[in-house]
């Protein structure tokens, strides 16, 4: 199985506030993300983490990553550069890329931490999975919400767990409907 997630921001106290995360503190957030992850993911699954795994994390990053089931693939973002210099943490990843093209159940998927307006093979049915924007609603994210086959993998709109492509689509539709519904009220 292939899963996707983004913007875990483990160690980032302010992420709880600005994402309105349902955790009392960063320790609860860390425990709960690990628990939800491991209930769903087996060691044979591939998980593409689209960046922002940690932010101001004071503990051992490699130890945290060893607690997660699955074969981890990192798509690098703006907060991952410190970790790139940590050999033990990097050893946990099967691959590390800035941008990646994969096949997920015969569907081409373009993966990047940042949203891309015009991704490779977009007009030929390719999907785009991105992170970075969290649950923010602004002009750029509204534009991306209107793109067919473009899905935000941010954990905050995906129940703080890795999701399949089908689950991302469903969660993004629900998020988009909630945003547009509140916009009309």
N, C-alpha and C. Protein backbone atom coordinates (compact mmCIF):
# COMPACT_ATOMS: atom_id res chain seq x y z
N UNK A 1 0.85 -1.17 0.00
CA UNK A 1 0.00 0.00 0.00
C UNK A 1 0.90 1.24 0.00
N UNK A 2 0.44 2.30 -0.65
CA UNK A 2 1.15 3.57 -0.67
C UNK A 2 0.33 4.59 0.10
N UNK A 3 1.02 5.30 1.00
CA UNK A 3 0.41 6.35 1.81
C UNK A 3 1.18 7.66 1.64
N UNK A 4 0.49 8.76 1.99
CA UNK A 4 1.07 10.10 1.90
C UNK A 4 0.71 10.88 3.16
N UNK A 5 1.62 11.77 3.55
CA UNK A 5 1.35 12.70 4.65
C UNK A 5 2.29 13.88 4.52
N UNK A 6 1.99 14.93 5.25
CA UNK A 6 2.83 16.13 5.20
C UNK A 6 2.60 16.97 6.45
N UNK A 7 3.60 17.80 6.73
CA UNK A 7 3.48 18.86 7.74
C UNK A 7 3.13 18.35 9.13
N UNK A 8 3.80 17.27 9.55
CA UNK A 8 3.59 16.77 10.91
C UNK A 8 4.03 17.81 11.93
N UNK A 9 5.12 18.50 11.66
CA UNK A 9 5.65 19.54 12.55
C UNK A 9 5.79 19.06 13.99
N UNK A 10 6.38 17.88 14.16
CA UNK A 10 6.61 17.35 15.50
C UNK A 10 7.54 18.30 16.24
N UNK A 11 7.15 18.69 17.45
CA UNK A 11 7.93 19.62 18.26
C UNK A 11 7.50 21.07 18.12
N UNK A 12 6.56 21.35 17.24
CA UNK A 12 6.15 22.74 16.95
C UNK A 12 4.90 23.10 17.75
N UNK A 13 5.13 23.75 18.88
CA UNK A 13 4.03 24.12 19.78
C UNK A 13 3.00 25.02 19.09
N UNK A 14 3.45 25.97 18.30
CA UNK A 14 2.51 26.89 17.66
C UNK A 14 1.65 26.23 16.59
N UNK A 15 2.10 25.09 16.04
CA UNK A 15 1.28 24.39 15.05
C UNK A 15 -0.04 23.92 15.67
N UNK A 16 -0.01 23.62 16.95
CA UNK A 16 -1.24 23.21 17.64
C UNK A 16 -2.26 24.33 17.58
N UNK A 17 -1.79 25.55 17.79
CA UNK A 17 -2.68 26.70 17.78
C UNK A 17 -3.11 27.07 16.35
N UNK A 18 -2.14 27.30 15.44
CA UNK A 18 -2.53 27.84 14.14
C UNK A 18 -3.21 26.82 13.24
N UNK A 19 -3.03 25.53 13.49
CA UNK A 19 -3.77 24.50 12.75
C UNK A 19 -5.01 24.05 13.51
N UNK A 20 -5.19 24.58 14.71
CA UNK A 20 -6.30 24.16 15.57
C UNK A 20 -6.26 22.63 15.76
N UNK A 21 -5.06 22.13 16.09
CA UNK A 21 -4.88 20.69 16.28
C UNK A 21 -5.49 20.24 17.60
N UNK A 22 -6.06 19.05 17.64
CA UNK A 22 -6.78 18.58 18.83
C UNK A 22 -5.87 17.97 19.90
N UNK A 23 -4.73 18.60 20.17
CA UNK A 23 -3.78 18.07 21.14
C UNK A 23 -3.51 19.11 22.22
N UNK A 24 -3.35 18.64 23.46
CA UNK A 24 -3.10 19.55 24.58
C UNK A 24 -1.70 20.16 24.52
N UNK A 25 -0.72 19.38 24.02
CA UNK A 25 0.66 19.87 23.97
C UNK A 25 1.44 19.06 22.94
N UNK A 26 2.72 19.40 22.76
CA UNK A 26 3.53 18.74 21.73
C UNK A 26 3.81 17.27 22.06
N UNK A 27 3.85 16.92 23.33
CA UNK A 27 4.06 15.52 23.69
C UNK A 27 2.86 14.66 23.32
N UNK A 28 1.66 15.17 23.58
CA UNK A 28 0.45 14.44 23.18
C UNK A 28 0.37 14.34 21.66
N UNK A 29 0.71 15.42 20.96
CA UNK A 29 0.69 15.41 19.50
C UNK A 29 1.63 14.33 18.96
N UNK A 30 2.83 14.26 19.51
CA UNK A 30 3.81 13.26 19.07
C UNK A 30 3.29 11.84 19.31
N UNK A 31 2.80 11.57 20.51
CA UNK A 31 2.29 10.23 20.84
C UNK A 31 1.12 9.85 19.94
N UNK A 32 0.21 10.78 19.74
CA UNK A 32 -1.00 10.49 18.96
C UNK A 32 -0.68 10.27 17.48
N UNK A 33 0.22 11.05 16.93
CA UNK A 33 0.59 10.87 15.52
C UNK A 33 1.26 9.51 15.33
N UNK A 34 2.14 9.12 16.23
CA UNK A 34 2.78 7.80 16.15
C UNK A 34 1.72 6.70 16.26
N UNK A 35 0.81 6.84 17.20
CA UNK A 35 -0.23 5.83 17.41
C UNK A 35 -1.12 5.69 16.18
N UNK A 36 -1.61 6.81 15.65
CA UNK A 36 -2.49 6.75 14.47
C UNK A 36 -1.74 6.16 13.27
N UNK A 37 -0.50 6.57 13.12
CA UNK A 37 0.34 6.07 12.02
C UNK A 37 0.46 4.55 12.09
N UNK A 38 0.86 4.05 13.24
CA UNK A 38 1.16 2.61 13.37
C UNK A 38 -0.08 1.74 13.40
N UNK A 39 -1.24 2.28 13.75
CA UNK A 39 -2.49 1.51 13.66
C UNK A 39 -2.84 1.23 12.20
N UNK A 40 -2.38 2.10 11.32
CA UNK A 40 -2.79 2.03 9.92
C UNK A 40 -1.73 1.43 9.01
N UNK A 41 -0.48 1.72 9.26
CA UNK A 41 0.62 1.41 8.36
C UNK A 41 1.35 0.15 8.80
N UNK A 42 1.63 -0.74 7.83
CA UNK A 42 2.44 -1.93 8.13
C UNK A 42 3.87 -1.68 7.66
N UNK A 43 4.77 -2.55 8.05
CA UNK A 43 6.17 -2.40 7.67
C UNK A 43 6.40 -2.55 6.17
N UNK A 44 5.47 -3.17 5.46
CA UNK A 44 5.61 -3.35 4.01
C UNK A 44 5.09 -2.16 3.20
N UNK A 45 4.42 -1.22 3.84
CA UNK A 45 3.83 -0.08 3.14
C UNK A 45 4.88 1.00 2.85
N UNK A 46 4.67 1.72 1.75
CA UNK A 46 5.50 2.88 1.40
C UNK A 46 4.76 4.14 1.83
N UNK A 47 5.46 5.02 2.55
CA UNK A 47 4.87 6.27 3.02
C UNK A 47 5.72 7.42 2.51
N UNK A 48 5.09 8.29 1.74
CA UNK A 48 5.76 9.49 1.24
C UNK A 48 5.43 10.63 2.18
N UNK A 49 6.47 11.14 2.85
CA UNK A 49 6.31 12.26 3.78
C UNK A 49 6.75 13.50 3.03
N UNK A 50 5.81 14.39 2.78
CA UNK A 50 6.07 15.56 1.96
C UNK A 50 6.57 16.73 2.81
N UNK A 51 7.57 16.46 3.62
CA UNK A 51 8.26 17.51 4.36
C UNK A 51 7.61 17.96 5.65
N UNK A 52 8.35 18.86 6.29
CA UNK A 52 7.96 19.43 7.59
C UNK A 52 7.66 18.35 8.63
N UNK A 53 8.54 17.39 8.74
CA UNK A 53 8.35 16.36 9.76
C UNK A 53 8.56 16.97 11.14
N UNK A 54 9.62 17.75 11.30
CA UNK A 54 9.99 18.32 12.59
C UNK A 54 10.10 19.84 12.49
N UNK A 55 9.92 20.48 13.64
CA UNK A 55 10.19 21.91 13.75
C UNK A 55 10.53 22.19 15.21
N UNK A 56 11.73 22.63 15.46
CA UNK A 56 12.22 22.89 16.82
C UNK A 56 12.12 21.66 17.71
N UNK A 57 12.32 20.49 17.13
CA UNK A 57 12.23 19.23 17.86
C UNK A 57 13.52 19.05 18.66
N UNK A 58 13.40 18.89 19.97
CA UNK A 58 14.56 18.82 20.86
C UNK A 58 15.06 17.40 21.10
N UNK A 59 14.25 16.41 20.75
CA UNK A 59 14.63 15.01 20.99
C UNK A 59 15.37 14.44 19.79
N UNK A 60 15.72 13.17 19.88
CA UNK A 60 16.44 12.47 18.82
C UNK A 60 15.50 12.17 17.64
N UNK A 61 15.77 12.79 16.51
CA UNK A 61 14.93 12.62 15.32
C UNK A 61 14.95 11.17 14.81
N UNK A 62 16.12 10.56 14.84
CA UNK A 62 16.24 9.18 14.38
C UNK A 62 15.38 8.25 15.23
N UNK A 63 15.38 8.48 16.53
CA UNK A 63 14.57 7.65 17.43
C UNK A 63 13.09 7.80 17.10
N UNK A 64 12.64 9.03 16.86
CA UNK A 64 11.24 9.25 16.49
C UNK A 64 10.92 8.47 15.21
N UNK A 65 11.76 8.61 14.20
CA UNK A 65 11.51 7.97 12.91
C UNK A 65 11.50 6.45 13.02
N UNK A 66 12.31 5.89 13.91
CA UNK A 66 12.34 4.43 14.10
C UNK A 66 11.03 3.91 14.70
N UNK A 67 10.27 4.76 15.33
CA UNK A 67 8.99 4.35 15.92
C UNK A 67 7.88 4.21 14.88
N UNK A 68 8.11 4.71 13.66
CA UNK A 68 7.08 4.70 12.63
C UNK A 68 7.18 3.46 11.75
N UNK A 69 6.06 2.79 11.56
CA UNK A 69 6.00 1.64 10.65
C UNK A 69 6.17 2.10 9.21
N UNK A 70 6.60 1.16 8.37
CA UNK A 70 6.62 1.40 6.94
C UNK A 70 7.98 1.78 6.39
N UNK A 71 8.02 1.83 5.06
CA UNK A 71 9.20 2.26 4.32
C UNK A 71 9.02 3.75 4.03
N UNK A 72 9.83 4.57 4.69
CA UNK A 72 9.67 6.02 4.61
C UNK A 72 10.42 6.61 3.43
N UNK A 73 9.76 7.54 2.75
CA UNK A 73 10.35 8.29 1.64
C UNK A 73 10.16 9.77 1.96
N UNK A 74 11.23 10.52 1.95
CA UNK A 74 11.16 11.95 2.28
C UNK A 74 11.16 12.80 1.02
N UNK A 75 10.19 13.68 0.94
CA UNK A 75 10.17 14.74 -0.05
C UNK A 75 10.56 16.00 0.72
N UNK A 76 11.72 16.54 0.41
CA UNK A 76 12.34 17.61 1.20
C UNK A 76 11.56 18.91 1.09
N UNK A 77 11.53 19.62 2.19
CA UNK A 77 10.86 20.92 2.24
C UNK A 77 11.76 21.95 2.89
N UNK A 78 11.17 23.07 3.24
CA UNK A 78 11.91 24.20 3.81
C UNK A 78 12.36 23.96 5.25
N UNK A 79 11.80 23.02 5.98
CA UNK A 79 12.21 22.77 7.37
C UNK A 79 13.01 21.48 7.56
N UNK A 80 13.33 20.79 6.50
CA UNK A 80 14.01 19.50 6.63
C UNK A 80 15.52 19.58 6.46
N UNK A 81 16.06 20.74 6.15
CA UNK A 81 17.48 20.84 5.84
C UNK A 81 18.37 20.46 7.02
N UNK A 82 17.97 20.80 8.23
CA UNK A 82 18.76 20.41 9.40
C UNK A 82 18.86 18.89 9.51
N UNK A 83 17.76 18.22 9.25
CA UNK A 83 17.73 16.76 9.35
C UNK A 83 18.61 16.13 8.26
N UNK A 84 18.77 16.79 7.13
CA UNK A 84 19.58 16.25 6.06
C UNK A 84 21.04 16.09 6.47
N UNK A 85 21.45 16.78 7.53
CA UNK A 85 22.81 16.67 8.04
C UNK A 85 22.92 15.67 9.19
N UNK A 86 21.85 14.94 9.47
CA UNK A 86 21.82 13.98 10.56
C UNK A 86 21.78 12.58 9.97
N UNK A 87 22.94 11.93 9.89
CA UNK A 87 23.03 10.62 9.26
C UNK A 87 22.08 9.59 9.81
N UNK A 88 21.96 9.51 11.12
CA UNK A 88 21.11 8.48 11.73
C UNK A 88 19.65 8.66 11.33
N UNK A 89 19.19 9.89 11.28
CA UNK A 89 17.80 10.15 10.87
C UNK A 89 17.63 9.86 9.38
N UNK A 90 18.59 10.28 8.58
CA UNK A 90 18.50 10.06 7.14
C UNK A 90 18.52 8.59 6.78
N UNK A 91 19.20 7.78 7.58
CA UNK A 91 19.28 6.35 7.32
C UNK A 91 17.91 5.67 7.35
N UNK A 92 16.94 6.29 7.97
CA UNK A 92 15.60 5.71 8.09
C UNK A 92 14.81 5.82 6.78
N UNK A 93 15.30 6.64 5.84
CA UNK A 93 14.55 6.87 4.60
C UNK A 93 15.04 5.98 3.46
N UNK A 94 14.10 5.41 2.73
CA UNK A 94 14.39 4.63 1.54
C UNK A 94 14.84 5.54 0.40
N UNK A 95 14.29 6.76 0.37
CA UNK A 95 14.64 7.72 -0.66
C UNK A 95 14.45 9.13 -0.11
N UNK A 96 15.21 10.06 -0.68
CA UNK A 96 15.10 11.48 -0.33
C UNK A 96 15.14 12.26 -1.64
N UNK A 97 14.07 13.01 -1.91
CA UNK A 97 13.95 13.75 -3.17
C UNK A 97 13.30 15.11 -2.92
N UNK A 98 13.52 16.03 -3.85
CA UNK A 98 12.82 17.32 -3.82
C UNK A 98 11.47 17.21 -4.52
N UNK A 99 11.44 16.41 -5.54
CA UNK A 99 10.24 16.20 -6.36
C UNK A 99 10.32 14.76 -6.83
N UNK A 100 9.18 14.09 -6.87
CA UNK A 100 9.22 12.68 -7.26
C UNK A 100 7.99 12.35 -8.09
N UNK A 101 8.19 11.49 -9.06
CA UNK A 101 7.09 10.97 -9.86
C UNK A 101 7.00 9.48 -9.56
N UNK A 102 5.83 9.03 -9.15
CA UNK A 102 5.63 7.60 -8.86
C UNK A 102 4.38 7.11 -9.58
N UNK A 103 4.24 5.81 -9.59
CA UNK A 103 3.01 5.18 -10.08
C UNK A 103 2.33 4.56 -8.87
N UNK A 104 1.10 4.96 -8.64
CA UNK A 104 0.30 4.45 -7.53
C UNK A 104 -0.93 3.78 -8.14
N UNK A 105 -0.95 2.47 -8.15
CA UNK A 105 -2.05 1.70 -8.71
C UNK A 105 -2.39 2.17 -10.13
N UNK A 106 -1.37 2.22 -10.97
CA UNK A 106 -1.47 2.58 -12.38
C UNK A 106 -1.78 4.07 -12.62
N UNK A 107 -1.70 4.90 -11.58
CA UNK A 107 -1.92 6.34 -11.73
C UNK A 107 -0.60 7.06 -11.52
N UNK A 108 -0.28 7.99 -12.41
CA UNK A 108 0.93 8.78 -12.24
C UNK A 108 0.66 9.84 -11.18
N UNK A 109 1.60 9.95 -10.24
CA UNK A 109 1.47 10.92 -9.15
C UNK A 109 2.76 11.74 -9.08
N UNK A 110 2.62 13.05 -9.10
CA UNK A 110 3.73 13.98 -8.95
C UNK A 110 3.68 14.49 -7.52
N UNK A 111 4.77 14.27 -6.76
CA UNK A 111 4.81 14.60 -5.35
C UNK A 111 5.83 15.70 -5.11
N UNK A 112 5.40 16.74 -4.40
CA UNK A 112 6.29 17.85 -4.03
C UNK A 112 5.75 18.46 -2.74
N UNK A 113 6.66 18.97 -1.91
CA UNK A 113 6.18 19.62 -0.70
C UNK A 113 5.33 20.85 -1.03
N UNK A 114 5.72 21.56 -2.07
CA UNK A 114 5.04 22.81 -2.43
C UNK A 114 4.00 22.55 -3.52
N UNK A 115 2.85 23.25 -3.48
CA UNK A 115 1.86 23.11 -4.54
C UNK A 115 2.42 23.58 -5.87
N UNK A 116 2.13 22.84 -6.92
CA UNK A 116 2.57 23.18 -8.27
C UNK A 116 1.33 23.45 -9.11
N UNK A 117 1.30 24.60 -9.76
CA UNK A 117 0.13 24.99 -10.55
C UNK A 117 -0.02 24.10 -11.79
N UNK A 118 1.08 23.84 -12.46
CA UNK A 118 1.04 23.04 -13.68
C UNK A 118 2.07 21.93 -13.57
N UNK A 119 1.65 20.75 -13.13
CA UNK A 119 2.56 19.64 -12.91
C UNK A 119 2.65 18.77 -14.15
N UNK A 120 3.72 17.99 -14.21
CA UNK A 120 3.98 17.10 -15.33
C UNK A 120 2.78 16.18 -15.59
N UNK A 121 2.35 16.11 -16.83
CA UNK A 121 1.26 15.25 -17.28
C UNK A 121 -0.10 15.60 -16.65
N UNK A 122 -0.24 16.82 -16.17
CA UNK A 122 -1.51 17.26 -15.56
C UNK A 122 -2.68 17.05 -16.52
N UNK A 123 -2.49 17.42 -17.78
CA UNK A 123 -3.59 17.34 -18.75
C UNK A 123 -3.75 15.94 -19.34
N UNK A 124 -3.00 15.00 -18.78
CA UNK A 124 -3.12 13.61 -19.22
C UNK A 124 -3.49 12.70 -18.04
N UNK A 125 -4.08 13.30 -17.00
CA UNK A 125 -4.61 12.51 -15.90
C UNK A 125 -3.71 12.32 -14.70
N UNK A 126 -2.51 12.92 -14.72
CA UNK A 126 -1.61 12.76 -13.57
C UNK A 126 -2.15 13.49 -12.35
N UNK A 127 -1.86 12.95 -11.19
CA UNK A 127 -2.24 13.54 -9.91
C UNK A 127 -1.07 14.35 -9.36
N UNK A 128 -1.40 15.29 -8.48
CA UNK A 128 -0.37 16.06 -7.77
C UNK A 128 -0.71 16.05 -6.29
N UNK A 129 0.25 15.62 -5.48
CA UNK A 129 0.07 15.63 -4.03
C UNK A 129 1.11 16.58 -3.46
N UNK A 130 0.66 17.46 -2.58
CA UNK A 130 1.52 18.50 -2.03
C UNK A 130 1.21 18.71 -0.55
N UNK A 131 2.04 19.52 0.08
CA UNK A 131 1.84 19.91 1.47
C UNK A 131 2.03 21.41 1.60
N UNK A 132 2.71 21.82 2.64
CA UNK A 132 3.16 23.20 2.89
C UNK A 132 2.06 24.16 3.32
N UNK A 133 0.87 24.05 2.78
CA UNK A 133 -0.15 25.07 3.01
C UNK A 133 -0.96 24.83 4.28
N UNK A 134 -0.77 23.71 4.94
CA UNK A 134 -1.53 23.36 6.15
C UNK A 134 -3.02 23.43 5.84
N UNK A 135 -3.80 24.06 6.70
CA UNK A 135 -5.23 24.21 6.46
C UNK A 135 -5.57 25.67 6.16
N UNK A 136 -4.54 26.41 5.79
CA UNK A 136 -4.70 27.83 5.46
C UNK A 136 -5.60 27.97 4.25
N UNK A 137 -6.42 29.01 4.28
CA UNK A 137 -7.28 29.31 3.14
C UNK A 137 -6.94 30.72 2.68
N UNK A 138 -6.27 30.79 1.54
CA UNK A 138 -5.93 32.07 0.92
C UNK A 138 -6.10 31.91 -0.58
N UNK A 139 -5.73 32.92 -1.33
CA UNK A 139 -5.93 32.90 -2.77
C UNK A 139 -5.25 31.70 -3.44
N UNK A 140 -4.02 31.41 -3.02
CA UNK A 140 -3.29 30.30 -3.63
C UNK A 140 -3.91 28.94 -3.31
N UNK A 141 -4.27 28.74 -2.04
CA UNK A 141 -4.83 27.44 -1.68
C UNK A 141 -6.23 27.26 -2.27
N UNK A 142 -6.99 28.35 -2.38
CA UNK A 142 -8.30 28.24 -3.04
C UNK A 142 -8.12 27.83 -4.50
N UNK A 143 -7.11 28.39 -5.15
CA UNK A 143 -6.81 27.99 -6.53
C UNK A 143 -6.50 26.49 -6.59
N UNK A 144 -5.63 26.01 -5.69
CA UNK A 144 -5.26 24.60 -5.71
C UNK A 144 -6.45 23.70 -5.39
N UNK A 145 -7.35 24.15 -4.53
CA UNK A 145 -8.53 23.34 -4.20
C UNK A 145 -9.42 23.12 -5.41
N UNK A 146 -9.34 24.03 -6.38
CA UNK A 146 -10.17 23.92 -7.58
C UNK A 146 -9.53 23.06 -8.67
N UNK A 147 -8.32 22.59 -8.46
CA UNK A 147 -7.62 21.77 -9.45
C UNK A 147 -8.03 20.31 -9.31
N UNK A 148 -8.43 19.73 -10.42
CA UNK A 148 -8.74 18.30 -10.40
C UNK A 148 -7.47 17.52 -10.14
N UNK A 149 -7.57 16.49 -9.35
CA UNK A 149 -6.47 15.57 -9.06
C UNK A 149 -5.28 16.22 -8.36
N UNK A 150 -5.49 17.33 -7.66
CA UNK A 150 -4.45 17.94 -6.82
C UNK A 150 -4.93 17.88 -5.38
N UNK A 151 -4.13 17.23 -4.50
CA UNK A 151 -4.59 17.00 -3.14
C UNK A 151 -3.54 17.40 -2.11
N UNK A 152 -4.01 18.07 -1.08
CA UNK A 152 -3.19 18.48 0.05
C UNK A 152 -3.02 17.27 0.98
N UNK A 153 -1.76 16.89 1.23
CA UNK A 153 -1.48 15.76 2.11
C UNK A 153 -1.27 16.20 3.56
N UNK A 154 -1.48 17.47 3.87
CA UNK A 154 -1.28 17.98 5.22
C UNK A 154 -2.03 17.14 6.24
N UNK A 155 -1.33 16.74 7.29
CA UNK A 155 -1.93 15.85 8.29
C UNK A 155 -3.16 16.47 8.94
N UNK A 156 -3.19 17.79 9.04
CA UNK A 156 -4.29 18.46 9.73
C UNK A 156 -5.63 18.34 9.01
N UNK A 157 -5.64 18.07 7.71
CA UNK A 157 -6.92 17.83 7.03
C UNK A 157 -7.11 16.36 6.71
N UNK A 158 -6.18 15.53 7.20
CA UNK A 158 -6.23 14.09 6.93
C UNK A 158 -6.15 13.27 8.21
N UNK A 159 -6.78 13.75 9.27
CA UNK A 159 -6.94 13.02 10.52
C UNK A 159 -5.60 12.64 11.18
N UNK A 160 -4.54 13.39 10.89
CA UNK A 160 -3.23 13.18 11.52
C UNK A 160 -2.71 11.76 11.32
N UNK A 161 -2.96 11.23 10.11
CA UNK A 161 -2.48 9.91 9.77
C UNK A 161 -2.14 9.87 8.29
N UNK A 162 -1.23 8.98 7.89
CA UNK A 162 -0.96 8.82 6.46
C UNK A 162 -2.23 8.34 5.75
N UNK A 163 -2.40 8.77 4.49
CA UNK A 163 -3.60 8.43 3.73
C UNK A 163 -3.25 7.89 2.35
N UNK A 164 -4.09 7.02 1.86
CA UNK A 164 -3.98 6.55 0.48
C UNK A 164 -4.44 7.68 -0.45
N UNK A 165 -4.22 7.51 -1.73
CA UNK A 165 -4.67 8.50 -2.71
C UNK A 165 -6.18 8.67 -2.65
N UNK A 166 -6.90 7.57 -2.50
CA UNK A 166 -8.36 7.65 -2.40
C UNK A 166 -8.80 8.40 -1.15
N UNK A 167 -8.12 8.16 -0.04
CA UNK A 167 -8.46 8.86 1.21
C UNK A 167 -8.13 10.35 1.10
N UNK A 168 -7.00 10.66 0.46
CA UNK A 168 -6.67 12.08 0.25
C UNK A 168 -7.75 12.77 -0.56
N UNK A 169 -8.20 12.13 -1.61
CA UNK A 169 -9.25 12.72 -2.44
C UNK A 169 -10.51 12.99 -1.61
N UNK A 170 -10.94 12.00 -0.86
CA UNK A 170 -12.14 12.15 -0.03
C UNK A 170 -11.97 13.27 1.01
N UNK A 171 -10.84 13.26 1.72
CA UNK A 171 -10.61 14.27 2.75
C UNK A 171 -10.49 15.68 2.16
N UNK A 172 -9.87 15.79 0.99
CA UNK A 172 -9.76 17.09 0.35
C UNK A 172 -11.11 17.61 -0.12
N UNK A 173 -11.96 16.72 -0.60
CA UNK A 173 -13.32 17.11 -0.99
C UNK A 173 -14.08 17.61 0.23
N UNK A 174 -14.00 16.89 1.33
CA UNK A 174 -14.69 17.32 2.56
C UNK A 174 -14.16 18.66 3.05
N UNK A 175 -12.85 18.85 3.02
CA UNK A 175 -12.25 20.12 3.44
C UNK A 175 -12.71 21.25 2.51
N UNK A 176 -12.66 21.00 1.21
CA UNK A 176 -13.08 22.02 0.24
C UNK A 176 -14.55 22.39 0.44
N UNK A 177 -15.41 21.40 0.65
CA UNK A 177 -16.83 21.68 0.87
C UNK A 177 -17.04 22.51 2.12
N UNK A 178 -16.31 22.21 3.18
CA UNK A 178 -16.41 22.99 4.41
C UNK A 178 -15.95 24.43 4.20
N UNK A 179 -14.87 24.61 3.47
CA UNK A 179 -14.36 25.95 3.19
C UNK A 179 -15.36 26.75 2.37
N UNK A 180 -15.86 26.17 1.30
CA UNK A 180 -16.78 26.89 0.42
C UNK A 180 -18.14 27.12 1.09
N UNK A 181 -18.55 26.18 1.94
CA UNK A 181 -19.80 26.35 2.68
C UNK A 181 -19.68 27.53 3.66
N UNK A 182 -18.58 27.59 4.41
CA UNK A 182 -18.38 28.70 5.36
C UNK A 182 -18.19 30.02 4.64
N UNK A 183 -17.66 29.98 3.42
CA UNK A 183 -17.48 31.20 2.62
C UNK A 183 -18.82 31.78 2.20
N UNK A 184 -19.85 30.92 2.04
CA UNK A 184 -21.16 31.36 1.62
C UNK A 184 -22.03 31.83 2.78
N UNK A 185 -21.63 31.51 4.00
CA UNK A 185 -22.44 31.86 5.16
C UNK A 185 -22.21 33.30 5.59
